[in-house]
Amino acid sequence: YVNEMVTPEKYELVVMQQILSDDINEGYSNYKNMIVEKINGQAISGLKDLIKKVEENKDENLVIELVYNNKIVLDYNKCKSSNADILKRFGIEYDRSENFRQ
């Protein structure tokens, strides 16, 4: 990514720093500091686009494609229903910064 040019299709890198461990994402705890490239097969242009693609997901699973052909496959409905509990368990008030809240 050092030599890639910024384009409207890819104007910002999104880095997944860590996964907050839960039963719904068991087996993925070692995925840290990885660049997110696609959501359900669709390339993302930045964090705002990633949020939109996740929230508009209509598939049963949420597939997060990372660099080096790594994938995280999660049950989308379980993710949505578990989000508040996971945030509370880890002492996190919001799932995103204020500028990305609607």
PDB file of N, CA and C in Angstrom:
ATOM      1  N   TYR A   1       0.810  -1.198   0.000  1.00  0.00           N
ATOM      2  CA  TYR A   1       0.000   0.000   0.000  1.00  0.00           C
ATOM      3  C   TYR A   1       0.849   1.256   0.000  1.00  0.00           C
ATOM      4  N   VAL A   2       2.111   1.123   0.214  1.00  0.00           N
ATOM      5  CA  VAL A   2       2.982   2.289   0.224  1.00  0.00           C
ATOM      6  C   VAL A   2       2.996   2.970  -1.134  1.00  0.00           C
ATOM      7  N   ASN A   3       2.980   2.199  -2.204  1.00  0.00           N
ATOM      8  CA  ASN A   3       3.095   2.761  -3.540  1.00  0.00           C
ATOM      9  C   ASN A   3       1.769   3.000  -4.242  1.00  0.00           C
ATOM     10  N   GLU A   4       0.660   2.688  -3.601  1.00  0.00           N
ATOM     11  CA  GLU A   4      -0.638   2.886  -4.247  1.00  0.00           C
ATOM     12  C   GLU A   4      -1.045   4.347  -4.207  1.00  0.00           C
ATOM     13  N   MET A   5      -1.752   4.759  -5.257  1.00  0.00           N
ATOM     14  CA  MET A   5      -2.239   6.126  -5.360  1.00  0.00           C
ATOM     15  C   MET A   5      -3.623   6.229  -4.739  1.00  0.00           C
ATOM     16  N   VAL A   6      -3.917   7.378  -4.167  1.00  0.00           N
ATOM     17  CA  VAL A   6      -5.256   7.646  -3.650  1.00  0.00           C
ATOM     18  C   VAL A   6      -6.173   7.898  -4.838  1.00  0.00           C
ATOM     19  N   THR A   7      -7.320   7.211  -4.847  1.00  0.00           N
ATOM     20  CA  THR A   7      -8.302   7.376  -5.913  1.00  0.00           C
ATOM     21  C   THR A   7      -9.680   7.499  -5.262  1.00  0.00           C
ATOM     22  N   PRO A   8     -10.694   7.927  -6.011  1.00  0.00           N
ATOM     23  CA  PRO A   8     -12.045   7.955  -5.429  1.00  0.00           C
ATOM     24  C   PRO A   8     -12.515   6.569  -4.982  1.00  0.00           C
ATOM     25  N   GLU A   9     -12.010   5.516  -5.634  1.00  0.00           N
ATOM     26  CA  GLU A   9     -12.390   4.157  -5.272  1.00  0.00           C
ATOM     27  C   GLU A   9     -11.659   3.661  -4.032  1.00  0.00           C
ATOM     28  N   LYS A  10     -10.524   4.252  -3.713  1.00  0.00           N
ATOM     29  CA  LYS A  10      -9.727   3.844  -2.545  1.00  0.00           C
ATOM     30  C   LYS A  10      -9.011   5.076  -2.020  1.00  0.00           C
ATOM     31  N   TYR A  11      -9.728   5.850  -1.199  1.00  0.00           N
ATOM     32  CA  TYR A  11      -9.139   7.089  -0.713  1.00  0.00           C
ATOM     33  C   TYR A  11      -8.579   6.985   0.704  1.00  0.00           C
ATOM     34  N   GLU A  12      -8.853   5.855   1.385  1.00  0.00           N
ATOM     35  CA  GLU A  12      -8.362   5.721   2.748  1.00  0.00           C
ATOM     36  C   GLU A  12      -8.267   4.241   3.111  1.00  0.00           C
ATOM     37  N   LEU A  13      -7.215   3.877   3.825  1.00  0.00           N
ATOM     38  CA  LEU A  13      -7.065   2.510   4.308  1.00  0.00           C
ATOM     39  C   LEU A  13      -7.861   2.338   5.592  1.00  0.00           C
ATOM     40  N   VAL A  14      -8.459   1.174   5.748  1.00  0.00           N
ATOM     41  CA  VAL A  14      -9.158   0.832   6.983  1.00  0.00           C
ATOM     42  C   VAL A  14      -8.392  -0.319   7.616  1.00  0.00           C
ATOM     43  N   VAL A  15      -7.940  -0.101   8.837  1.00  0.00           N
ATOM     44  CA  VAL A  15      -7.169  -1.108   9.546  1.00  0.00           C
ATOM     45  C   VAL A  15      -7.990  -1.643  10.707  1.00  0.00           C
ATOM     46  N   MET A  16      -8.172  -2.955  10.732  1.00  0.00           N
ATOM     47  CA  MET A  16      -8.838  -3.606  11.843  1.00  0.00           C
ATOM     48  C   MET A  16      -7.770  -3.844  12.908  1.00  0.00           C
ATOM     49  N   GLN A  17      -7.838  -3.087  13.993  1.00  0.00           N
ATOM     50  CA  GLN A  17      -6.798  -3.179  15.013  1.00  0.00           C
ATOM     51  C   GLN A  17      -6.878  -4.460  15.824  1.00  0.00           C
ATOM     52  N   GLN A  18      -8.080  -4.809  16.278  1.00  0.00           N
ATOM     53  CA  GLN A  18      -8.238  -6.024  17.063  1.00  0.00           C
ATOM     54  C   GLN A  18      -9.691  -6.460  17.021  1.00  0.00           C
ATOM     55  N   ILE A  19      -9.912  -7.679  17.459  1.00  0.00           N
ATOM     56  CA  ILE A  19     -11.266  -8.218  17.548  1.00  0.00           C
ATOM     57  C   ILE A  19     -11.605  -8.357  19.024  1.00  0.00           C
ATOM     58  N   LEU A  20     -12.752  -7.833  19.409  1.00  0.00           N
ATOM     59  CA  LEU A  20     -13.219  -7.967  20.785  1.00  0.00           C
ATOM     60  C   LEU A  20     -13.834  -9.359  20.927  1.00  0.00           C
ATOM     61  N   SER A  21     -13.173 -10.216  21.651  1.00  0.00           N
ATOM     62  CA  SER A  21     -13.533 -11.637  21.727  1.00  0.00           C
ATOM     63  C   SER A  21     -14.950 -11.865  22.224  1.00  0.00           C
ATOM     64  N   ASP A  22     -15.630 -12.776  21.546  1.00  0.00           N
ATOM     65  CA  ASP A  22     -16.987 -13.184  21.889  1.00  0.00           C
ATOM     66  C   ASP A  22     -17.245 -14.520  21.201  1.00  0.00           C
ATOM     67  N   ASP A  23     -18.293 -15.211  21.628  1.00  0.00           N
ATOM     68  CA  ASP A  23     -18.656 -16.483  20.992  1.00  0.00           C
ATOM     69  C   ASP A  23     -18.917 -16.325  19.502  1.00  0.00           C
ATOM     70  N   ILE A  24     -19.448 -15.174  19.078  1.00  0.00           N
ATOM     71  CA  ILE A  24     -19.797 -14.992  17.664  1.00  0.00           C
ATOM     72  C   ILE A  24     -18.585 -14.860  16.751  1.00  0.00           C
ATOM     73  N   ASN A  25     -17.405 -14.538  17.321  1.00  0.00           N
ATOM     74  CA  ASN A  25     -16.207 -14.395  16.485  1.00  0.00           C
ATOM     75  C   ASN A  25     -15.075 -15.314  16.939  1.00  0.00           C
ATOM     76  N   GLU A  26     -15.469 -16.422  17.547  1.00  0.00           N
ATOM     77  CA  GLU A  26     -14.489 -17.395  18.033  1.00  0.00           C
ATOM     78  C   GLU A  26     -13.581 -17.869  16.897  1.00  0.00           C
ATOM     79  N   GLY A  27     -12.299 -17.924  17.189  1.00  0.00           N
ATOM     80  CA  GLY A  27     -11.323 -18.384  16.210  1.00  0.00           C
ATOM     81  C   GLY A  27     -10.634 -17.268  15.443  1.00  0.00           C
ATOM     82  N   TYR A  28     -11.062 -16.042  15.651  1.00  0.00           N
ATOM     83  CA  TYR A  28     -10.476 -14.922  14.919  1.00  0.00           C
ATOM     84  C   TYR A  28      -9.664 -13.981  15.806  1.00  0.00           C
ATOM     85  N   SER A  29      -9.401 -14.342  17.037  1.00  0.00           N
ATOM     86  CA  SER A  29      -8.747 -13.419  17.972  1.00  0.00           C
ATOM     87  C   SER A  29      -7.324 -13.045  17.578  1.00  0.00           C
ATOM     88  N   ASN A  30      -6.678 -13.822  16.730  1.00  0.00           N
ATOM     89  CA  ASN A  30      -5.311 -13.509  16.307  1.00  0.00           C
ATOM     90  C   ASN A  30      -5.254 -12.512  15.147  1.00  0.00           C
ATOM     91  N   TYR A  31      -6.391 -12.157  14.606  1.00  0.00           N
ATOM     92  CA  TYR A  31      -6.428 -11.191  13.512  1.00  0.00           C
ATOM     93  C   TYR A  31      -6.297  -9.794  14.097  1.00  0.00           C
ATOM     94  N   LYS A  32      -5.126  -9.192  13.932  1.00  0.00           N
ATOM     95  CA  LYS A  32      -4.861  -7.863  14.489  1.00  0.00           C
ATOM     96  C   LYS A  32      -4.105  -7.023  13.474  1.00  0.00           C
ATOM     97  N   ASN A  33      -4.401  -5.725  13.494  1.00  0.00           N
ATOM     98  CA  ASN A  33      -3.684  -4.755  12.654  1.00  0.00           C
ATOM     99  C   ASN A  33      -3.626  -5.178  11.185  1.00  0.00           C
ATOM    100  N   MET A  34      -4.783  -5.537  10.656  1.00  0.00           N
ATOM    101  CA  MET A  34      -4.858  -5.980   9.269  1.00  0.00           C
ATOM    102  C   MET A  34      -5.719  -5.018   8.453  1.00  0.00           C
ATOM    103  N   ILE A  35      -5.333  -4.799   7.231  1.00  0.00           N
ATOM    104  CA  ILE A  35      -6.072  -3.910   6.335  1.00  0.00           C
ATOM    105  C   ILE A  35      -7.309  -4.627   5.796  1.00  0.00           C
ATOM    106  N   VAL A  36      -8.450  -3.959   5.920  1.00  0.00           N
ATOM    107  CA  VAL A  36      -9.702  -4.480   5.395  1.00  0.00           C
ATOM    108  C   VAL A  36      -9.805  -4.052   3.935  1.00  0.00           C
ATOM    109  N   GLU A  37     -10.029  -5.015   3.047  1.00  0.00           N
ATOM    110  CA  GLU A  37     -10.111  -4.716   1.622  1.00  0.00           C
ATOM    111  C   GLU A  37     -11.539  -4.767   1.078  1.00  0.00           C
ATOM    112  N   LYS A  38     -12.345  -5.727   1.580  1.00  0.00           N
ATOM    113  CA  LYS A  38     -13.688  -5.910   1.026  1.00  0.00           C
ATOM    114  C   LYS A  38     -14.667  -6.311   2.124  1.00  0.00           C
ATOM    115  N   ILE A  39     -15.927  -6.001   1.881  1.00  0.00           N
ATOM    116  CA  ILE A  39     -17.038  -6.481   2.692  1.00  0.00           C
ATOM    117  C   ILE A  39     -17.971  -7.223   1.746  1.00  0.00           C
ATOM    118  N   ASN A  40     -18.196  -8.495   2.017  1.00  0.00           N
ATOM    119  CA  ASN A  40     -19.043  -9.346   1.169  1.00  0.00           C
ATOM    120  C   ASN A  40     -18.693  -9.221  -0.316  1.00  0.00           C
ATOM    121  N   GLY A  41     -17.404  -9.242  -0.600  1.00  0.00           N
ATOM    122  CA  GLY A  41     -16.936  -9.228  -1.976  1.00  0.00           C
ATOM    123  C   GLY A  41     -16.881  -7.860  -2.636  1.00  0.00           C
ATOM    124  N   GLN A  42     -17.306  -6.817  -1.935  1.00  0.00           N
ATOM    125  CA  GLN A  42     -17.302  -5.465  -2.494  1.00  0.00           C
ATOM    126  C   GLN A  42     -16.150  -4.664  -1.901  1.00  0.00           C
ATOM    127  N   ALA A  43     -15.316  -4.103  -2.756  1.00  0.00           N
ATOM    128  CA  ALA A  43     -14.199  -3.286  -2.299  1.00  0.00           C
ATOM    129  C   ALA A  43     -14.712  -2.084  -1.520  1.00  0.00           C
ATOM    130  N   ILE A  44     -13.949  -1.684  -0.521  1.00  0.00           N
ATOM    131  CA  ILE A  44     -14.324  -0.504   0.252  1.00  0.00           C
ATOM    132  C   ILE A  44     -13.381   0.648  -0.087  1.00  0.00           C
ATOM    133  N   SER A  45     -13.914   1.861  -0.053  1.00  0.00           N
ATOM    134  CA  SER A  45     -13.109   3.036  -0.374  1.00  0.00           C
ATOM    135  C   SER A  45     -12.581   3.731   0.875  1.00  0.00           C
ATOM    136  N   GLY A  46     -13.159   3.432   2.029  1.00  0.00           N
ATOM    137  CA  GLY A  46     -12.742   4.055   3.278  1.00  0.00           C
ATOM    138  C   GLY A  46     -13.662   3.613   4.400  1.00  0.00           C
ATOM    139  N   LEU A  47     -13.480   4.185   5.577  1.00  0.00           N
ATOM    140  CA  LEU A  47     -14.248   3.771   6.742  1.00  0.00           C
ATOM    141  C   LEU A  47     -15.741   4.051   6.597  1.00  0.00           C
ATOM    142  N   LYS A  48     -16.093   5.199   6.061  1.00  0.00           N
ATOM    143  CA  LYS A  48     -17.513   5.524   5.874  1.00  0.00           C
ATOM    144  C   LYS A  48     -18.178   4.508   4.950  1.00  0.00           C
ATOM    145  N   ASP A  49     -17.483   4.108   3.896  1.00  0.00           N
ATOM    146  CA  ASP A  49     -18.005   3.120   2.958  1.00  0.00           C
ATOM    147  C   ASP A  49     -18.127   1.750   3.626  1.00  0.00           C
ATOM    148  N   LEU A  50     -17.155   1.376   4.457  1.00  0.00           N
ATOM    149  CA  LEU A  50     -17.221   0.107   5.178  1.00  0.00           C
ATOM    150  C   LEU A  50     -18.452   0.088   6.076  1.00  0.00           C
ATOM    151  N   ILE A  51     -18.681   1.148   6.831  1.00  0.00           N
ATOM    152  CA  ILE A  51     -19.842   1.225   7.725  1.00  0.00           C
ATOM    153  C   ILE A  51     -21.130   1.062   6.927  1.00  0.00           C
ATOM    154  N   LYS A  52     -21.212   1.740   5.800  1.00  0.00           N
ATOM    155  CA  LYS A  52     -22.408   1.664   4.950  1.00  0.00           C
ATOM    156  C   LYS A  52     -22.644   0.234   4.457  1.00  0.00           C
ATOM    157  N   LYS A  53     -21.592  -0.409   3.987  1.00  0.00           N
ATOM    158  CA  LYS A  53     -21.722  -1.775   3.460  1.00  0.00           C
ATOM    159  C   LYS A  53     -22.121  -2.756   4.563  1.00  0.00           C
ATOM    160  N   VAL A  54     -21.594  -2.585   5.754  1.00  0.00           N
ATOM    161  CA  VAL A  54     -21.969  -3.464   6.868  1.00  0.00           C
ATOM    162  C   VAL A  54     -23.426  -3.232   7.239  1.00  0.00           C
ATOM    163  N   GLU A  55     -23.816  -1.976   7.396  1.00  0.00           N
ATOM    164  CA  GLU A  55     -25.186  -1.676   7.821  1.00  0.00           C
ATOM    165  C   GLU A  55     -26.233  -2.043   6.780  1.00  0.00           C
ATOM    166  N   GLU A  56     -25.867  -2.027   5.502  1.00  0.00           N
ATOM    167  CA  GLU A  56     -26.815  -2.353   4.430  1.00  0.00           C
ATOM    168  C   GLU A  56     -26.752  -3.817   4.010  1.00  0.00           C
ATOM    169  N   ASN A  57     -25.989  -4.620   4.727  1.00  0.00           N
ATOM    170  CA  ASN A  57     -25.843  -6.029   4.401  1.00  0.00           C
ATOM    171  C   ASN A  57     -27.198  -6.730   4.393  1.00  0.00           C
ATOM    172  N   LYS A  58     -27.456  -7.512   3.369  1.00  0.00           N
ATOM    173  CA  LYS A  58     -28.692  -8.297   3.258  1.00  0.00           C
ATOM    174  C   LYS A  58     -28.409  -9.800   3.319  1.00  0.00           C
ATOM    175  N   ASP A  59     -27.129 -10.167   3.397  1.00  0.00           N
ATOM    176  CA  ASP A  59     -26.738 -11.574   3.402  1.00  0.00           C
ATOM    177  C   ASP A  59     -26.795 -12.154   4.814  1.00  0.00           C
ATOM    178  N   GLU A  60     -26.865 -13.467   4.885  1.00  0.00           N
ATOM    179  CA  GLU A  60     -26.869 -14.156   6.178  1.00  0.00           C
ATOM    180  C   GLU A  60     -25.550 -13.938   6.910  1.00  0.00           C
ATOM    181  N   ASN A  61     -24.460 -13.971   6.142  1.00  0.00           N
ATOM    182  CA  ASN A  61     -23.137 -13.798   6.727  1.00  0.00           C
ATOM    183  C   ASN A  61     -22.547 -12.451   6.358  1.00  0.00           C
ATOM    184  N   LEU A  62     -21.642 -12.003   7.208  1.00  0.00           N
ATOM    185  CA  LEU A  62     -20.837 -10.828   6.919  1.00  0.00           C
ATOM    186  C   LEU A  62     -19.430 -11.350   6.671  1.00  0.00           C
ATOM    187  N   VAL A  63     -18.930 -11.138   5.457  1.00  0.00           N
ATOM    188  CA  VAL A  63     -17.602 -11.629   5.097  1.00  0.00           C
ATOM    189  C   VAL A  63     -16.673 -10.425   5.002  1.00  0.00           C
ATOM    190  N   ILE A  64     -15.682 -10.398   5.875  1.00  0.00           N
ATOM    191  CA  ILE A  64     -14.696  -9.321   5.909  1.00  0.00           C
ATOM    192  C   ILE A  64     -13.426  -9.872   5.288  1.00  0.00           C
ATOM    193  N   GLU A  65     -13.052  -9.307   4.147  1.00  0.00           N
ATOM    194  CA  GLU A  65     -11.855  -9.775   3.455  1.00  0.00           C
ATOM    195  C   GLU A  65     -10.695  -8.845   3.786  1.00  0.00           C
ATOM    196  N   LEU A  66      -9.606  -9.464   4.249  1.00  0.00           N
ATOM    197  CA  LEU A  66      -8.429  -8.736   4.692  1.00  0.00           C
ATOM    198  C   LEU A  66      -7.269  -8.977   3.738  1.00  0.00           C
ATOM    199  N   VAL A  67      -6.169  -8.294   3.973  1.00  0.00           N
ATOM    200  CA  VAL A  67      -4.973  -8.507   3.156  1.00  0.00           C
ATOM    201  C   VAL A  67      -4.504  -9.949   3.278  1.00  0.00           C
ATOM    202  N   TYR A  68      -3.707 -10.367   2.329  1.00  0.00           N
ATOM    203  CA  TYR A  68      -3.112 -11.702   2.300  1.00  0.00           C
ATOM    204  C   TYR A  68      -4.161 -12.813   2.289  1.00  0.00           C
ATOM    205  N   ASN A  69      -5.301 -12.545   1.628  1.00  0.00           N
ATOM    206  CA  ASN A  69      -6.372 -13.526   1.453  1.00  0.00           C
ATOM    207  C   ASN A  69      -6.968 -14.055   2.761  1.00  0.00           C
ATOM    208  N   ASN A  70      -6.875 -13.297   3.829  1.00  0.00           N
ATOM    209  CA  ASN A  70      -7.521 -13.670   5.088  1.00  0.00           C
ATOM    210  C   ASN A  70      -8.978 -13.243   5.041  1.00  0.00           C
ATOM    211  N   LYS A  71      -9.842 -14.059   5.613  1.00  0.00           N
ATOM    212  CA  LYS A  71     -11.274 -13.750   5.657  1.00  0.00           C
ATOM    213  C   LYS A  71     -11.819 -14.013   7.049  1.00  0.00           C
ATOM    214  N   ILE A  72     -12.765 -13.179   7.421  1.00  0.00           N
ATOM    215  CA  ILE A  72     -13.533 -13.380   8.644  1.00  0.00           C
ATOM    216  C   ILE A  72     -14.977 -13.540   8.204  1.00  0.00           C
ATOM    217  N   VAL A  73     -15.603 -14.631   8.596  1.00  0.00           N
ATOM    218  CA  VAL A  73     -16.997 -14.897   8.222  1.00  0.00           C
ATOM    219  C   VAL A  73     -17.814 -14.968   9.512  1.00  0.00           C
ATOM    220  N   LEU A  74     -18.787 -14.061   9.622  1.00  0.00           N
ATOM    221  CA  LEU A  74     -19.602 -13.955  10.831  1.00  0.00           C
ATOM    222  C   LEU A  74     -21.081 -14.033  10.487  1.00  0.00           C
ATOM    223  N   ASP A  75     -21.866 -14.546  11.403  1.00  0.00           N
ATOM    224  CA  ASP A  75     -23.325 -14.542  11.259  1.00  0.00           C
ATOM    225  C   ASP A  75     -23.787 -13.101  11.487  1.00  0.00           C
ATOM    226  N   TYR A  76     -24.331 -12.494  10.459  1.00  0.00           N
ATOM    227  CA  TYR A  76     -24.658 -11.064  10.522  1.00  0.00           C
ATOM    228  C   TYR A  76     -25.695 -10.742  11.591  1.00  0.00           C
ATOM    229  N   ASN A  77     -26.753 -11.535  11.688  1.00  0.00           N
ATOM    230  CA  ASN A  77     -27.795 -11.259  12.683  1.00  0.00           C
ATOM    231  C   ASN A  77     -27.284 -11.438  14.106  1.00  0.00           C
ATOM    232  N   LYS A  78     -26.427 -12.411  14.327  1.00  0.00           N
ATOM    233  CA  LYS A  78     -25.835 -12.586  15.651  1.00  0.00           C
ATOM    234  C   LYS A  78     -24.924 -11.407  15.992  1.00  0.00           C
ATOM    235  N   CYS A  79     -24.227 -10.895  14.997  1.00  0.00           N
ATOM    236  CA  CYS A  79     -23.372  -9.717  15.226  1.00  0.00           C
ATOM    237  C   CYS A  79     -24.211  -8.532  15.679  1.00  0.00           C
ATOM    238  N   LYS A  80     -25.302  -8.289  14.961  1.00  0.00           N
ATOM    239  CA  LYS A  80     -26.161  -7.154  15.304  1.00  0.00           C
ATOM    240  C   LYS A  80     -26.745  -7.301  16.702  1.00  0.00           C
ATOM    241  N   SER A  81     -27.190  -8.497  17.049  1.00  0.00           N
ATOM    242  CA  SER A  81     -27.831  -8.683  18.350  1.00  0.00           C
ATOM    243  C   SER A  81     -26.823  -8.725  19.499  1.00  0.00           C
ATOM    244  N   SER A  82     -25.564  -9.023  19.224  1.00  0.00           N
ATOM    245  CA  SER A  82     -24.537  -9.112  20.266  1.00  0.00           C
ATOM    246  C   SER A  82     -23.747  -7.827  20.458  1.00  0.00           C
ATOM    247  N   ASN A  83     -23.863  -6.890  19.544  1.00  0.00           N
ATOM    248  CA  ASN A  83     -23.023  -5.698  19.546  1.00  0.00           C
ATOM    249  C   ASN A  83     -23.063  -4.941  20.876  1.00  0.00           C
ATOM    250  N   ALA A  84     -24.244  -4.637  21.383  1.00  0.00           N
ATOM    251  CA  ALA A  84     -24.364  -3.849  22.620  1.00  0.00           C
ATOM    252  C   ALA A  84     -23.730  -4.572  23.808  1.00  0.00           C
ATOM    253  N   ASP A  85     -23.941  -5.885  23.902  1.00  0.00           N
ATOM    254  CA  ASP A  85     -23.361  -6.652  25.007  1.00  0.00           C
ATOM    255  C   ASP A  85     -21.836  -6.672  24.936  1.00  0.00           C
ATOM    256  N   ILE A  86     -21.294  -6.814  23.746  1.00  0.00           N
ATOM    257  CA  ILE A  86     -19.834  -6.828  23.576  1.00  0.00           C
ATOM    258  C   ILE A  86     -19.255  -5.480  23.974  1.00  0.00           C
ATOM    259  N   LEU A  87     -19.867  -4.403  23.500  1.00  0.00           N
ATOM    260  CA  LEU A  87     -19.379  -3.066  23.850  1.00  0.00           C
ATOM    261  C   LEU A  87     -19.407  -2.855  25.360  1.00  0.00           C
ATOM    262  N   LYS A  88     -20.494  -3.260  25.997  1.00  0.00           N
ATOM    263  CA  LYS A  88     -20.630  -3.101  27.452  1.00  0.00           C
ATOM    264  C   LYS A  88     -19.558  -3.904  28.189  1.00  0.00           C
ATOM    265  N   ARG A  89     -19.340  -5.140  27.763  1.00  0.00           N
ATOM    266  CA  ARG A  89     -18.353  -6.010  28.404  1.00  0.00           C
ATOM    267  C   ARG A  89     -16.951  -5.421  28.362  1.00  0.00           C
ATOM    268  N   PHE A  90     -16.640  -4.729  27.262  1.00  0.00           N
ATOM    269  CA  PHE A  90     -15.307  -4.156  27.114  1.00  0.00           C
ATOM    270  C   PHE A  90     -15.243  -2.685  27.528  1.00  0.00           C
ATOM    271  N   GLY A  91     -16.346  -2.158  28.082  1.00  0.00           N
ATOM    272  CA  GLY A  91     -16.353  -0.786  28.586  1.00  0.00           C
ATOM    273  C   GLY A  91     -16.272   0.262  27.500  1.00  0.00           C
ATOM    274  N   ILE A  92     -16.903  -0.026  26.366  1.00  0.00           N
ATOM    275  CA  ILE A  92     -16.882   0.901  25.229  1.00  0.00           C
ATOM    276  C   ILE A  92     -18.275   1.495  25.072  1.00  0.00           C
ATOM    277  N   GLU A  93     -18.348   2.826  25.071  1.00  0.00           N
ATOM    278  CA  GLU A  93     -19.651   3.487  25.028  1.00  0.00           C
ATOM    279  C   GLU A  93     -20.298   3.435  23.639  1.00  0.00           C
ATOM    280  N   TYR A  94     -19.510   3.648  22.603  1.00  0.00           N
ATOM    281  CA  TYR A  94     -20.042   3.694  21.234  1.00  0.00           C
ATOM    282  C   TYR A  94     -19.249   2.762  20.324  1.00  0.00           C
ATOM    283  N   ASP A  95     -19.892   2.284  19.263  1.00  0.00           N
ATOM    284  CA  ASP A  95     -19.212   1.390  18.319  1.00  0.00           C
ATOM    285  C   ASP A  95     -18.459   2.147  17.226  1.00  0.00           C
ATOM    286  N   ARG A  96     -18.534   3.466  17.273  1.00  0.00           N
ATOM    287  CA  ARG A  96     -17.805   4.292  16.294  1.00  0.00           C
ATOM    288  C   ARG A  96     -17.643   5.694  16.843  1.00  0.00           C
ATOM    289  N   SER A  97     -16.713   6.437  16.252  1.00  0.00           N
ATOM    290  CA  SER A  97     -16.500   7.806  16.710  1.00  0.00           C
ATOM    291  C   SER A  97     -17.668   8.708  16.331  1.00  0.00           C
ATOM    292  N   GLU A  98     -17.764   9.844  16.988  1.00  0.00           N
ATOM    293  CA  GLU A  98     -18.920  10.731  16.823  1.00  0.00           C
ATOM    294  C   GLU A  98     -19.162  11.143  15.363  1.00  0.00           C
ATOM    295  N   ASN A  99     -18.096  11.377  14.623  1.00  0.00           N
ATOM    296  CA  ASN A  99     -18.276  11.825  13.230  1.00  0.00           C
ATOM    297  C   ASN A  99     -18.856  10.749  12.310  1.00  0.00           C
ATOM    298  N   PHE A 100     -18.955   9.505  12.789  1.00  0.00           N
ATOM    299  CA  PHE A 100     -19.561   8.445  11.980  1.00  0.00           C
ATOM    300  C   PHE A 100     -20.907   7.981  12.526  1.00  0.00           C
ATOM    301  N   ARG A 101     -21.379   8.624  13.582  1.00  0.00           N
ATOM    302  CA  ARG A 101     -22.715   8.301  14.124  1.00  0.00           C
ATOM    303  C   ARG A 101     -23.756   9.103  13.395  1.00  0.00           C
ATOM    304  N   GLN A 102     -24.920   8.488  13.179  1.00  0.00           N
ATOM    305  CA  GLN A 102     -25.999   9.196  12.472  1.00  0.00           C
ATOM    306  C   GLN A 102     -26.930   9.838  13.438  1.00  0.00           C
TER     307      GLN A 102
END
